[in-house]
PDB file of all heavy atoms in Angstrom:
ATOM      1  N   LEU A   1      -2.174  -0.182   0.358  1.00  0.00           N
ATOM      2  CA  LEU A   1      -1.413  -0.926  -0.637  1.00  0.00           C
ATOM      3  C   LEU A   1      -1.622  -2.407  -0.369  1.00  0.00           C
ATOM      4  O   LEU A   1      -1.302  -2.900   0.716  1.00  0.00           O
ATOM      5  CB  LEU A   1       0.073  -0.579  -0.546  1.00  0.00           C
ATOM      6  CG  LEU A   1       0.919  -1.238  -1.626  1.00  0.00           C
ATOM      7  CD1 LEU A   1       0.793  -0.453  -2.915  1.00  0.00           C
ATOM      8  CD2 LEU A   1       2.356  -1.315  -1.202  1.00  0.00           C
ATOM      9  N   ALA A   2      -2.205  -3.095  -1.326  1.00  0.00           N
ATOM     10  CA  ALA A   2      -2.437  -4.533  -1.210  1.00  0.00           C
ATOM     11  C   ALA A   2      -1.586  -5.237  -2.248  1.00  0.00           C
ATOM     12  O   ALA A   2      -1.499  -4.779  -3.392  1.00  0.00           O
ATOM     13  CB  ALA A   2      -3.913  -4.852  -1.439  1.00  0.00           C
ATOM     14  N   GLY A   3      -0.955  -6.339  -1.846  1.00  0.00           N
ATOM     15  CA  GLY A   3      -0.130  -7.021  -2.827  1.00  0.00           C
ATOM     16  C   GLY A   3       0.382  -8.358  -2.349  1.00  0.00           C
ATOM     17  O   GLY A   3      -0.011  -8.875  -1.297  1.00  0.00           O
ATOM     18  N   SER A   4       1.290  -8.894  -3.147  1.00  0.00           N
ATOM     19  CA  SER A   4       1.858 -10.206  -2.853  1.00  0.00           C
ATOM     20  C   SER A   4       2.633 -10.208  -1.541  1.00  0.00           C
ATOM     21  O   SER A   4       2.795 -11.252  -0.923  1.00  0.00           O
ATOM     22  CB  SER A   4       2.751 -10.655  -4.011  1.00  0.00           C
ATOM     23  OG  SER A   4       3.785  -9.713  -4.253  1.00  0.00           O
ATOM     24  N   MET A   5       3.076  -9.046  -1.102  1.00  0.00           N
ATOM     25  CA  MET A   5       3.852  -8.960   0.136  1.00  0.00           C
ATOM     26  C   MET A   5       2.996  -9.005   1.400  1.00  0.00           C
ATOM     27  O   MET A   5       3.499  -9.192   2.488  1.00  0.00           O
ATOM     28  CB  MET A   5       4.730  -7.707   0.135  1.00  0.00           C
ATOM     29  CG  MET A   5       3.992  -6.398   0.374  1.00  0.00           C
ATOM     30  SD  MET A   5       2.876  -5.817  -0.930  1.00  0.00           S
ATOM     31  CE  MET A   5       3.993  -5.442  -2.247  1.00  0.00           C
ATOM     32  N   ASN A   6       1.686  -8.834   1.276  1.00  0.00           N
ATOM     33  CA  ASN A   6       0.829  -8.830   2.468  1.00  0.00           C
ATOM     34  C   ASN A   6      -0.468  -9.618   2.259  1.00  0.00           C
ATOM     35  O   ASN A   6      -1.484  -9.339   2.891  1.00  0.00           O
ATOM     36  CB  ASN A   6       0.537  -7.390   2.927  1.00  0.00           C
ATOM     37  CG  ASN A   6      -0.195  -6.553   1.893  1.00  0.00           C
ATOM     38  OD1 ASN A   6      -0.832  -7.066   0.986  1.00  0.00           O
ATOM     39  ND2 ASN A   6      -0.095  -5.241   2.034  1.00  0.00           N
ATOM     40  N   GLY A   7      -0.428 -10.610   1.381  1.00  0.00           N
ATOM     41  CA  GLY A   7      -1.602 -11.454   1.161  1.00  0.00           C
ATOM     42  C   GLY A   7      -2.769 -10.733   0.519  1.00  0.00           C
ATOM     43  O   GLY A   7      -3.910 -11.134   0.680  1.00  0.00           O
ATOM     44  N   TRP A   8      -2.486  -9.648  -0.197  1.00  0.00           N
ATOM     45  CA  TRP A   8      -3.514  -8.832  -0.860  1.00  0.00           C
ATOM     46  C   TRP A   8      -4.533  -8.284   0.133  1.00  0.00           C
ATOM     47  O   TRP A   8      -5.710  -8.115  -0.166  1.00  0.00           O
ATOM     48  CB  TRP A   8      -4.199  -9.606  -1.993  1.00  0.00           C
ATOM     49  CG  TRP A   8      -3.221  -9.877  -3.110  1.00  0.00           C
ATOM     50  CD1 TRP A   8      -2.467 -11.004  -3.282  1.00  0.00           C
ATOM     51  CD2 TRP A   8      -2.840  -8.983  -4.158  1.00  0.00           C
ATOM     52  NE1 TRP A   8      -1.649 -10.867  -4.378  1.00  0.00           N
ATOM     53  CE2 TRP A   8      -1.873  -9.641  -4.943  1.00  0.00           C
ATOM     54  CE3 TRP A   8      -3.228  -7.704  -4.523  1.00  0.00           C
ATOM     55  CZ2 TRP A   8      -1.275  -9.051  -6.059  1.00  0.00           C
ATOM     56  CZ3 TRP A   8      -2.644  -7.118  -5.641  1.00  0.00           C
ATOM     57  CH2 TRP A   8      -1.677  -7.795  -6.387  1.00  0.00           C
ATOM     58  N   SER A   9      -4.076  -7.976   1.333  1.00  0.00           N
ATOM     59  CA  SER A   9      -4.945  -7.409   2.366  1.00  0.00           C
ATOM     60  C   SER A   9      -5.233  -5.943   2.071  1.00  0.00           C
ATOM     61  O   SER A   9      -4.318  -5.158   1.805  1.00  0.00           O
ATOM     62  CB  SER A   9      -4.278  -7.536   3.732  1.00  0.00           C
ATOM     63  OG  SER A   9      -4.987  -6.784   4.689  1.00  0.00           O
ATOM     64  N   LYS A  10      -6.505  -5.561   2.180  1.00  0.00           N
ATOM     65  CA  LYS A  10      -6.904  -4.167   1.972  1.00  0.00           C
ATOM     66  C   LYS A  10      -6.589  -3.297   3.187  1.00  0.00           C
ATOM     67  O   LYS A  10      -6.790  -2.088   3.137  1.00  0.00           O
ATOM     68  CB  LYS A  10      -8.393  -4.081   1.661  1.00  0.00           C
ATOM     69  CG  LYS A  10      -8.791  -4.774   0.387  1.00  0.00           C
ATOM     70  CD  LYS A  10     -10.254  -4.560   0.062  1.00  0.00           C
ATOM     71  CE  LYS A  10     -11.133  -5.319   1.023  1.00  0.00           C
ATOM     72  NZ  LYS A  10     -12.558  -5.259   0.645  1.00  0.00           N
ATOM     73  N   ASP A  11      -6.110  -3.901   4.276  1.00  0.00           N
ATOM     74  CA  ASP A  11      -5.888  -3.153   5.524  1.00  0.00           C
ATOM     75  C   ASP A  11      -4.461  -3.222   6.051  1.00  0.00           C
ATOM     76  O   ASP A  11      -4.153  -2.584   7.043  1.00  0.00           O
ATOM     77  CB  ASP A  11      -6.829  -3.689   6.602  1.00  0.00           C
ATOM     78  CG  ASP A  11      -8.286  -3.595   6.189  1.00  0.00           C
ATOM     79  OD1 ASP A  11      -8.721  -2.487   5.831  1.00  0.00           O
ATOM     80  OD2 ASP A  11      -8.972  -4.628   6.208  1.00  0.00           O
ATOM     81  N   ALA A  12      -3.586  -3.981   5.416  1.00  0.00           N
ATOM     82  CA  ALA A  12      -2.261  -4.236   5.980  1.00  0.00           C
ATOM     83  C   ALA A  12      -1.306  -3.056   5.844  1.00  0.00           C
ATOM     84  O   ALA A  12      -0.482  -2.830   6.711  1.00  0.00           O
ATOM     85  CB  ALA A  12      -1.644  -5.482   5.346  1.00  0.00           C
ATOM     86  N   ALA A  13      -1.384  -2.313   4.761  1.00  0.00           N
ATOM     87  CA  ALA A  13      -0.425  -1.224   4.521  1.00  0.00           C
ATOM     88  C   ALA A  13      -1.181   0.045   4.157  1.00  0.00           C
ATOM     89  O   ALA A  13      -1.366   0.367   2.981  1.00  0.00           O
ATOM     90  CB  ALA A  13       0.549  -1.619   3.413  1.00  0.00           C
ATOM     91  N   LEU A  14      -1.620   0.762   5.179  1.00  0.00           N
ATOM     92  CA  LEU A  14      -2.346   2.005   4.932  1.00  0.00           C
ATOM     93  C   LEU A  14      -1.394   3.120   4.536  1.00  0.00           C
ATOM     94  O   LEU A  14      -0.325   3.271   5.121  1.00  0.00           O
ATOM     95  CB  LEU A  14      -3.136   2.410   6.175  1.00  0.00           C
ATOM     96  CG  LEU A  14      -4.286   1.485   6.565  1.00  0.00           C
ATOM     97  CD1 LEU A  14      -4.951   1.996   7.834  1.00  0.00           C
ATOM     98  CD2 LEU A  14      -5.299   1.373   5.438  1.00  0.00           C
ATOM     99  N   ALA A  15      -1.794   3.884   3.534  1.00  0.00           N
ATOM    100  CA  ALA A  15      -1.003   5.022   3.085  1.00  0.00           C
ATOM    101  C   ALA A  15      -1.406   6.264   3.874  1.00  0.00           C
ATOM    102  O   ALA A  15      -2.493   6.336   4.431  1.00  0.00           O
ATOM    103  CB  ALA A  15      -1.217   5.243   1.590  1.00  0.00           C
ATOM    104  N   GLU A  16      -0.492   7.220   3.903  1.00  0.00           N
ATOM    105  CA  GLU A  16      -0.748   8.477   4.609  1.00  0.00           C
ATOM    106  C   GLU A  16      -0.715   9.642   3.622  1.00  0.00           C
ATOM    107  O   GLU A  16      -0.014   9.582   2.610  1.00  0.00           O
ATOM    108  CB  GLU A  16       0.314   8.701   5.690  1.00  0.00           C
ATOM    109  CG  GLU A  16       0.315   7.631   6.768  1.00  0.00           C
ATOM    110  CD  GLU A  16       1.405   7.878   7.808  1.00  0.00           C
ATOM    111  OE1 GLU A  16       2.256   8.766   7.596  1.00  0.00           O
ATOM    112  OE2 GLU A  16       1.391   7.182   8.823  1.00  0.00           O
ATOM    113  N   ASP A  17      -1.465  10.666   3.934  1.00  0.00           N
ATOM    114  CA  ASP A  17      -1.466  11.910   3.162  1.00  0.00           C
ATOM    115  C   ASP A  17      -1.110  13.029   4.140  1.00  0.00           C
ATOM    116  O   ASP A  17      -1.971  13.789   4.584  1.00  0.00           O
ATOM    117  CB  ASP A  17      -2.839  12.134   2.531  1.00  0.00           C
ATOM    118  CG  ASP A  17      -2.902  13.388   1.679  1.00  0.00           C
ATOM    119  OD1 ASP A  17      -1.848  13.989   1.399  1.00  0.00           O
ATOM    120  OD2 ASP A  17      -4.023  13.780   1.298  1.00  0.00           O
ATOM    121  N   PRO A  18       0.173  13.132   4.503  1.00  0.00           N
ATOM    122  CA  PRO A  18       0.560  14.026   5.601  1.00  0.00           C
ATOM    123  C   PRO A  18       0.245  15.503   5.382  1.00  0.00           C
ATOM    124  O   PRO A  18      -0.064  16.208   6.326  1.00  0.00           O
ATOM    125  CB  PRO A  18       2.064  13.804   5.752  1.00  0.00           C
ATOM    126  CG  PRO A  18       2.504  13.134   4.509  1.00  0.00           C
ATOM    127  CD  PRO A  18       1.316  12.426   3.931  1.00  0.00           C
ATOM    128  N   ASP A  19       0.285  15.960   4.127  1.00  0.00           N
ATOM    129  CA  ASP A  19       0.005  17.380   3.903  1.00  0.00           C
ATOM    130  C   ASP A  19      -1.391  17.639   3.343  1.00  0.00           C
ATOM    131  O   ASP A  19      -1.737  18.765   3.028  1.00  0.00           O
ATOM    132  CB  ASP A  19       1.070  18.010   3.000  1.00  0.00           C
ATOM    133  CG  ASP A  19       1.200  17.307   1.662  1.00  0.00           C
ATOM    134  OD1 ASP A  19       0.362  16.428   1.362  1.00  0.00           O
ATOM    135  OD2 ASP A  19       2.140  17.628   0.919  1.00  0.00           O
ATOM    136  N   GLY A  20      -2.219  16.593   3.228  1.00  0.00           N
ATOM    137  CA  GLY A  20      -3.598  16.760   2.810  1.00  0.00           C
ATOM    138  C   GLY A  20      -3.800  17.146   1.360  1.00  0.00           C
ATOM    139  O   GLY A  20      -4.867  17.629   0.998  1.00  0.00           O
ATOM    140  N   ASP A  21      -2.793  16.925   0.518  1.00  0.00           N
ATOM    141  CA  ASP A  21      -2.906  17.354  -0.882  1.00  0.00           C
ATOM    142  C   ASP A  21      -3.481  16.286  -1.813  1.00  0.00           C
ATOM    143  O   ASP A  21      -3.609  16.503  -3.004  1.00  0.00           O
ATOM    144  CB  ASP A  21      -1.554  17.830  -1.409  1.00  0.00           C
ATOM    145  CG  ASP A  21      -0.544  16.696  -1.584  1.00  0.00           C
ATOM    146  OD1 ASP A  21      -0.811  15.562  -1.123  1.00  0.00           O
ATOM    147  OD2 ASP A  21       0.526  16.956  -2.178  1.00  0.00           O
ATOM    148  N   GLY A  22      -3.822  15.107  -1.246  1.00  0.00           N
ATOM    149  CA  GLY A  22      -4.401  14.054  -2.059  1.00  0.00           C
ATOM    150  C   GLY A  22      -3.398  13.105  -2.672  1.00  0.00           C
ATOM    151  O   GLY A  22      -3.752  12.237  -3.451  1.00  0.00           O
ATOM    152  N   THR A  23      -2.118  13.269  -2.320  1.00  0.00           N
ATOM    153  CA  THR A  23      -1.084  12.328  -2.744  1.00  0.00           C
ATOM    154  C   THR A  23      -0.709  11.486  -1.532  1.00  0.00           C
ATOM    155  O   THR A  23      -0.232  12.011  -0.532  1.00  0.00           O
ATOM    156  CB  THR A  23       0.156  13.044  -3.301  1.00  0.00           C
ATOM    157  OG1 THR A  23      -0.238  13.789  -4.456  1.00  0.00           O
ATOM    158  CG2 THR A  23       1.235  12.041  -3.692  1.00  0.00           C
ATOM    159  N   TYR A  24      -0.955  10.203  -1.632  1.00  0.00           N
ATOM    160  CA  TYR A  24      -0.777   9.280  -0.515  1.00  0.00           C
ATOM    161  C   TYR A  24       0.564   8.571  -0.628  1.00  0.00           C
ATOM    162  O   TYR A  24       1.019   8.249  -1.732  1.00  0.00           O
ATOM    163  CB  TYR A  24      -1.926   8.267  -0.488  1.00  0.00           C
ATOM    164  CG  TYR A  24      -3.246   8.949  -0.239  1.00  0.00           C
ATOM    165  CD1 TYR A  24      -3.932   9.572  -1.268  1.00  0.00           C
ATOM    166  CD2 TYR A  24      -3.777   9.017   1.035  1.00  0.00           C
ATOM    167  CE1 TYR A  24      -5.119  10.225  -1.042  1.00  0.00           C
ATOM    168  CE2 TYR A  24      -4.976   9.674   1.275  1.00  0.00           C
ATOM    169  CZ  TYR A  24      -5.636  10.276   0.236  1.00  0.00           C
ATOM    170  OH  TYR A  24      -6.810  10.940   0.471  1.00  0.00           O
ATOM    171  N   VAL A  25       1.188   8.321   0.509  1.00  0.00           N
ATOM    172  CA  VAL A  25       2.512   7.720   0.562  1.00  0.00           C
ATOM    173  C   VAL A  25       2.462   6.493   1.464  1.00  0.00           C
ATOM    174  O   VAL A  25       1.887   6.534   2.553  1.00  0.00           O
ATOM    175  CB  VAL A  25       3.557   8.719   1.119  1.00  0.00           C
ATOM    176  CG1 VAL A  25       4.936   8.086   1.183  1.00  0.00           C
ATOM    177  CG2 VAL A  25       3.588   9.986   0.287  1.00  0.00           C
ATOM    178  N   VAL A  26       3.069   5.394   1.004  1.00  0.00           N
ATOM    179  CA  VAL A  26       3.201   4.199   1.834  1.00  0.00           C
ATOM    180  C   VAL A  26       4.661   3.764   1.765  1.00  0.00           C
ATOM    181  O   VAL A  26       5.285   3.806   0.704  1.00  0.00           O
ATOM    182  CB  VAL A  26       2.233   3.068   1.413  1.00  0.00           C
ATOM    183  CG1 VAL A  26       2.488   2.588   0.012  1.00  0.00           C
ATOM    184  CG2 VAL A  26       2.270   1.928   2.387  1.00  0.00           C
ATOM    185  N   ARG A  27       5.205   3.403   2.922  1.00  0.00           N
ATOM    186  CA  ARG A  27       6.594   2.955   3.012  1.00  0.00           C
ATOM    187  C   ARG A  27       6.628   1.535   3.549  1.00  0.00           C
ATOM    188  O   ARG A  27       5.965   1.222   4.530  1.00  0.00           O
ATOM    189  CB  ARG A  27       7.391   3.889   3.929  1.00  0.00           C
ATOM    190  CG  ARG A  27       7.569   5.267   3.342  1.00  0.00           C
ATOM    191  CD  ARG A  27       8.275   6.231   4.298  1.00  0.00           C
ATOM    192  NE  ARG A  27       8.461   7.528   3.694  1.00  0.00           N
ATOM    193  CZ  ARG A  27       7.553   8.499   3.700  1.00  0.00           C
ATOM    194  NH1 ARG A  27       6.386   8.296   4.286  1.00  0.00           N
ATOM    195  NH2 ARG A  27       7.804   9.649   3.117  1.00  0.00           N
ATOM    196  N   LEU A  28       7.410   0.681   2.872  1.00  0.00           N
ATOM    197  CA  LEU A  28       7.538  -0.720   3.255  1.00  0.00           C
ATOM    198  C   LEU A  28       9.005  -1.118   3.259  1.00  0.00           C
ATOM    199  O   LEU A  28       9.820  -0.506   2.577  1.00  0.00           O
ATOM    200  CB  LEU A  28       6.808  -1.617   2.244  1.00  0.00           C
ATOM    201  CG  LEU A  28       5.336  -1.374   2.001  1.00  0.00           C
ATOM    202  CD1 LEU A  28       4.874  -2.164   0.795  1.00  0.00           C
ATOM    203  CD2 LEU A  28       4.532  -1.773   3.224  1.00  0.00           C
ATOM    204  N   THR A  29       9.328  -2.157   3.994  1.00  0.00           N
ATOM    205  CA  THR A  29      10.626  -2.792   3.916  1.00  0.00           C
ATOM    206  C   THR A  29      10.394  -4.193   3.380  1.00  0.00           C
ATOM    207  O   THR A  29       9.621  -4.959   3.962  1.00  0.00           O
ATOM    208  CB  THR A  29      11.311  -2.833   5.295  1.00  0.00           C
ATOM    209  OG1 THR A  29      11.474  -1.492   5.763  1.00  0.00           O
ATOM    210  CG2 THR A  29      12.665  -3.508   5.205  1.00  0.00           C
ATOM    211  N   LEU A  30      11.034  -4.502   2.249  1.00  0.00           N
ATOM    212  CA  LEU A  30      10.766  -5.755   1.550  1.00  0.00           C
ATOM    213  C   LEU A  30      12.056  -6.493   1.217  1.00  0.00           C
ATOM    214  O   LEU A  30      13.094  -5.872   1.010  1.00  0.00           O
ATOM    215  CB  LEU A  30      10.026  -5.472   0.241  1.00  0.00           C
ATOM    216  CG  LEU A  30       8.671  -4.788   0.352  1.00  0.00           C
ATOM    217  CD1 LEU A  30       8.162  -4.401  -1.029  1.00  0.00           C
ATOM    218  CD2 LEU A  30       7.680  -5.697   1.061  1.00  0.00           C
ATOM    219  N   PRO A  31      11.966  -7.818   1.101  1.00  0.00           N
ATOM    220  CA  PRO A  31      13.111  -8.582   0.618  1.00  0.00           C
ATOM    221  C   PRO A  31      13.254  -8.404  -0.893  1.00  0.00           C
ATOM    222  O   PRO A  31      12.318  -7.962  -1.571  1.00  0.00           O
ATOM    223  CB  PRO A  31      12.740 -10.022   0.975  1.00  0.00           C
ATOM    224  CG  PRO A  31      11.250 -10.037   0.978  1.00  0.00           C
ATOM    225  CD  PRO A  31      10.830  -8.674   1.457  1.00  0.00           C
ATOM    226  N   ALA A  32      14.405  -8.771  -1.417  1.00  0.00           N
ATOM    227  CA  ALA A  32      14.619  -8.721  -2.859  1.00  0.00           C
ATOM    228  C   ALA A  32      13.618  -9.636  -3.548  1.00  0.00           C
ATOM    229  O   ALA A  32      13.171 -10.632  -2.975  1.00  0.00           O
ATOM    230  CB  ALA A  32      16.049  -9.153  -3.186  1.00  0.00           C
ATOM    231  N   GLY A  33      13.251  -9.303  -4.760  1.00  0.00           N
ATOM    232  CA  GLY A  33      12.337 -10.141  -5.522  1.00  0.00           C
ATOM    233  C   GLY A  33      11.264  -9.318  -6.189  1.00  0.00           C
ATOM    234  O   GLY A  33      11.216  -8.099  -6.076  1.00  0.00           O
ATOM    235  N   ARG A  34      10.392 -10.016  -6.878  1.00  0.00           N
ATOM    236  CA  ARG A  34       9.287  -9.364  -7.576  1.00  0.00           C
ATOM    237  C   ARG A  34       8.078  -9.316  -6.655  1.00  0.00           C
ATOM    238  O   ARG A  34       7.677 -10.331  -6.079  1.00  0.00           O
ATOM    239  CB  ARG A  34       8.955 -10.163  -8.832  1.00  0.00           C
ATOM    240  CG  ARG A  34       7.811  -9.602  -9.626  1.00  0.00           C
ATOM    241  CD  ARG A  34       7.620 -10.423 -10.905  1.00  0.00           C
ATOM    242  NE  ARG A  34       6.346 -10.151 -11.542  1.00  0.00           N
ATOM    243  CZ  ARG A  34       6.100  -9.117 -12.323  1.00  0.00           C
ATOM    244  NH1 ARG A  34       7.050  -8.248 -12.573  1.00  0.00           N
ATOM    245  NH2 ARG A  34       4.905  -8.946 -12.869  1.00  0.00           N
ATOM    246  N   HIS A  35       7.501  -8.136  -6.541  1.00  0.00           N
ATOM    247  CA  HIS A  35       6.322  -7.933  -5.697  1.00  0.00           C
ATOM    248  C   HIS A  35       5.253  -7.256  -6.548  1.00  0.00           C
ATOM    249  O   HIS A  35       5.504  -6.220  -7.144  1.00  0.00           O
ATOM    250  CB  HIS A  35       6.659  -7.067  -4.483  1.00  0.00           C
ATOM    251  CG  HIS A  35       7.773  -7.607  -3.661  1.00  0.00           C
ATOM    252  ND1 HIS A  35       7.599  -8.618  -2.750  1.00  0.00           N
ATOM    253  CD2 HIS A  35       9.091  -7.300  -3.630  1.00  0.00           C
ATOM    254  CE1 HIS A  35       8.751  -8.900  -2.173  1.00  0.00           C
ATOM    255  NE2 HIS A  35       9.670  -8.119  -2.700  1.00  0.00           N
ATOM    256  N   THR A  36       4.060  -7.845  -6.608  1.00  0.00           N
ATOM    257  CA  THR A  36       2.964  -7.240  -7.348  1.00  0.00           C
ATOM    258  C   THR A  36       2.020  -6.564  -6.354  1.00  0.00           C
ATOM    259  O   THR A  36       1.877  -7.015  -5.219  1.00  0.00           O
ATOM    260  CB  THR A  36       2.214  -8.287  -8.184  1.00  0.00           C
ATOM    261  OG1 THR A  36       1.788  -9.346  -7.330  1.00  0.00           O
ATOM    262  CG2 THR A  36       3.115  -8.857  -9.277  1.00  0.00           C
ATOM    263  N   TYR A  37       1.381  -5.481  -6.788  1.00  0.00           N
ATOM    264  CA  TYR A  37       0.539  -4.710  -5.864  1.00  0.00           C
ATOM    265  C   TYR A  37      -0.477  -3.878  -6.633  1.00  0.00           C
ATOM    266  O   TYR A  37      -0.338  -3.626  -7.826  1.00  0.00           O
ATOM    267  CB  TYR A  37       1.406  -3.800  -4.991  1.00  0.00           C
ATOM    268  CG  TYR A  37       2.144  -2.737  -5.774  1.00  0.00           C
ATOM    269  CD1 TYR A  37       1.585  -1.478  -5.965  1.00  0.00           C
ATOM    270  CD2 TYR A  37       3.385  -3.000  -6.334  1.00  0.00           C
ATOM    271  CE1 TYR A  37       2.255  -0.507  -6.693  1.00  0.00           C
ATOM    272  CE2 TYR A  37       4.058  -2.042  -7.067  1.00  0.00           C
ATOM    273  CZ  TYR A  37       3.485  -0.793  -7.241  1.00  0.00           C
ATOM    274  OH  TYR A  37       4.145   0.163  -7.975  1.00  0.00           O
ATOM    275  N   LYS A  38      -1.489  -3.433  -5.896  1.00  0.00           N
ATOM    276  CA  LYS A  38      -2.444  -2.435  -6.363  1.00  0.00           C
ATOM    277  C   LYS A  38      -2.774  -1.532  -5.186  1.00  0.00           C
ATOM    278  O   LYS A  38      -2.633  -1.922  -4.027  1.00  0.00           O
ATOM    279  CB  LYS A  38      -3.727  -3.081  -6.877  1.00  0.00           C
ATOM    280  CG  LYS A  38      -3.566  -3.794  -8.204  1.00  0.00           C
ATOM    281  CD  LYS A  38      -4.907  -4.274  -8.729  1.00  0.00           C
ATOM    282  CE  LYS A  38      -4.741  -4.920 -10.094  1.00  0.00           C
ATOM    283  NZ  LYS A  38      -6.037  -5.370 -10.629  1.00  0.00           N
ATOM    284  N   PHE A  39      -3.234  -0.340  -5.483  1.00  0.00           N
ATOM    285  CA  PHE A  39      -3.739   0.564  -4.460  1.00  0.00           C
ATOM    286  C   PHE A  39      -5.235   0.314  -4.299  1.00  0.00           C
ATOM    287  O   PHE A  39      -5.948   0.146  -5.294  1.00  0.00           O
ATOM    288  CB  PHE A  39      -3.491   2.021  -4.851  1.00  0.00           C
ATOM    289  CG  PHE A  39      -2.038   2.396  -4.867  1.00  0.00           C
ATOM    290  CD1 PHE A  39      -1.328   2.419  -6.056  1.00  0.00           C
ATOM    291  CD2 PHE A  39      -1.378   2.699  -3.693  1.00  0.00           C
ATOM    292  CE1 PHE A  39       0.015   2.759  -6.075  1.00  0.00           C
ATOM    293  CE2 PHE A  39      -0.031   3.036  -3.706  1.00  0.00           C
ATOM    294  CZ  PHE A  39       0.657   3.064  -4.903  1.00  0.00           C
ATOM    295  N   VAL A  40      -5.706   0.308  -3.060  1.00  0.00           N
ATOM    296  CA  VAL A  40      -7.129   0.109  -2.780  1.00  0.00           C
ATOM    297  C   VAL A  40      -7.665   1.402  -2.165  1.00  0.00           C
ATOM    298  O   VAL A  40      -7.182   1.852  -1.129  1.00  0.00           O
ATOM    299  CB  VAL A  40      -7.346  -1.071  -1.805  1.00  0.00           C
ATOM    300  CG1 VAL A  40      -8.841  -1.323  -1.633  1.00  0.00           C
ATOM    301  CG2 VAL A  40      -6.640  -2.322  -2.298  1.00  0.00           C
ATOM    302  N   VAL A  41      -8.654   1.986  -2.807  1.00  0.00           N
ATOM    303  CA  VAL A  41      -9.217   3.262  -2.363  1.00  0.00           C
ATOM    304  C   VAL A  41     -10.560   3.009  -1.696  1.00  0.00           C
ATOM    305  O   VAL A  41     -11.442   2.353  -2.258  1.00  0.00           O
ATOM    306  CB  VAL A  41      -9.366   4.230  -3.551  1.00  0.00           C
ATOM    307  CG1 VAL A  41      -9.988   5.543  -3.084  1.00  0.00           C
ATOM    308  CG2 VAL A  41      -8.017   4.470  -4.204  1.00  0.00           C
ATOM    309  N   ASP A  42     -10.692   3.514  -0.480  1.00  0.00           N
ATOM    310  CA  ASP A  42     -11.926   3.408   0.311  1.00  0.00           C
ATOM    311  C   ASP A  42     -12.410   1.961   0.452  1.00  0.00           C
ATOM    312  O   ASP A  42     -13.609   1.693   0.497  1.00  0.00           O
ATOM    313  CB  ASP A  42     -13.024   4.304  -0.266  1.00  0.00           C
ATOM    314  CG  ASP A  42     -12.681   5.787  -0.139  1.00  0.00           C
ATOM    315  OD1 ASP A  42     -11.897   6.145   0.772  1.00  0.00           O
ATOM    316  OD2 ASP A  42     -13.180   6.585  -0.941  1.00  0.00           O
ATOM    317  N   GLY A  43     -11.456   1.026   0.478  1.00  0.00           N
ATOM    318  CA  GLY A  43     -11.765  -0.373   0.725  1.00  0.00           C
ATOM    319  C   GLY A  43     -12.447  -1.110  -0.403  1.00  0.00           C
ATOM    320  O   GLY A  43     -12.788  -2.278  -0.263  1.00  0.00           O
ATOM    321  N   ALA A  44     -12.658  -0.446  -1.560  1.00  0.00           N
ATOM    322  CA  ALA A  44     -13.452  -1.097  -2.595  1.00  0.00           C
ATOM    323  C   ALA A  44     -12.890  -0.943  -4.005  1.00  0.00           C
ATOM    324  O   ALA A  44     -13.064  -1.825  -4.829  1.00  0.00           O
ATOM    325  CB  ALA A  44     -14.871  -0.545  -2.570  1.00  0.00           C
TER     326      ALA A  44
END
């Protein structure tokens, strides 16, 4: 997860797929406000 909360880093918030079903989960703790983001797949 890359976004305004982590400088749009492709490596800062890696998601996990704990059961291997292809649905990835990322958990963050954020301050109140608007946060923009995108998911980055395979770094590209």
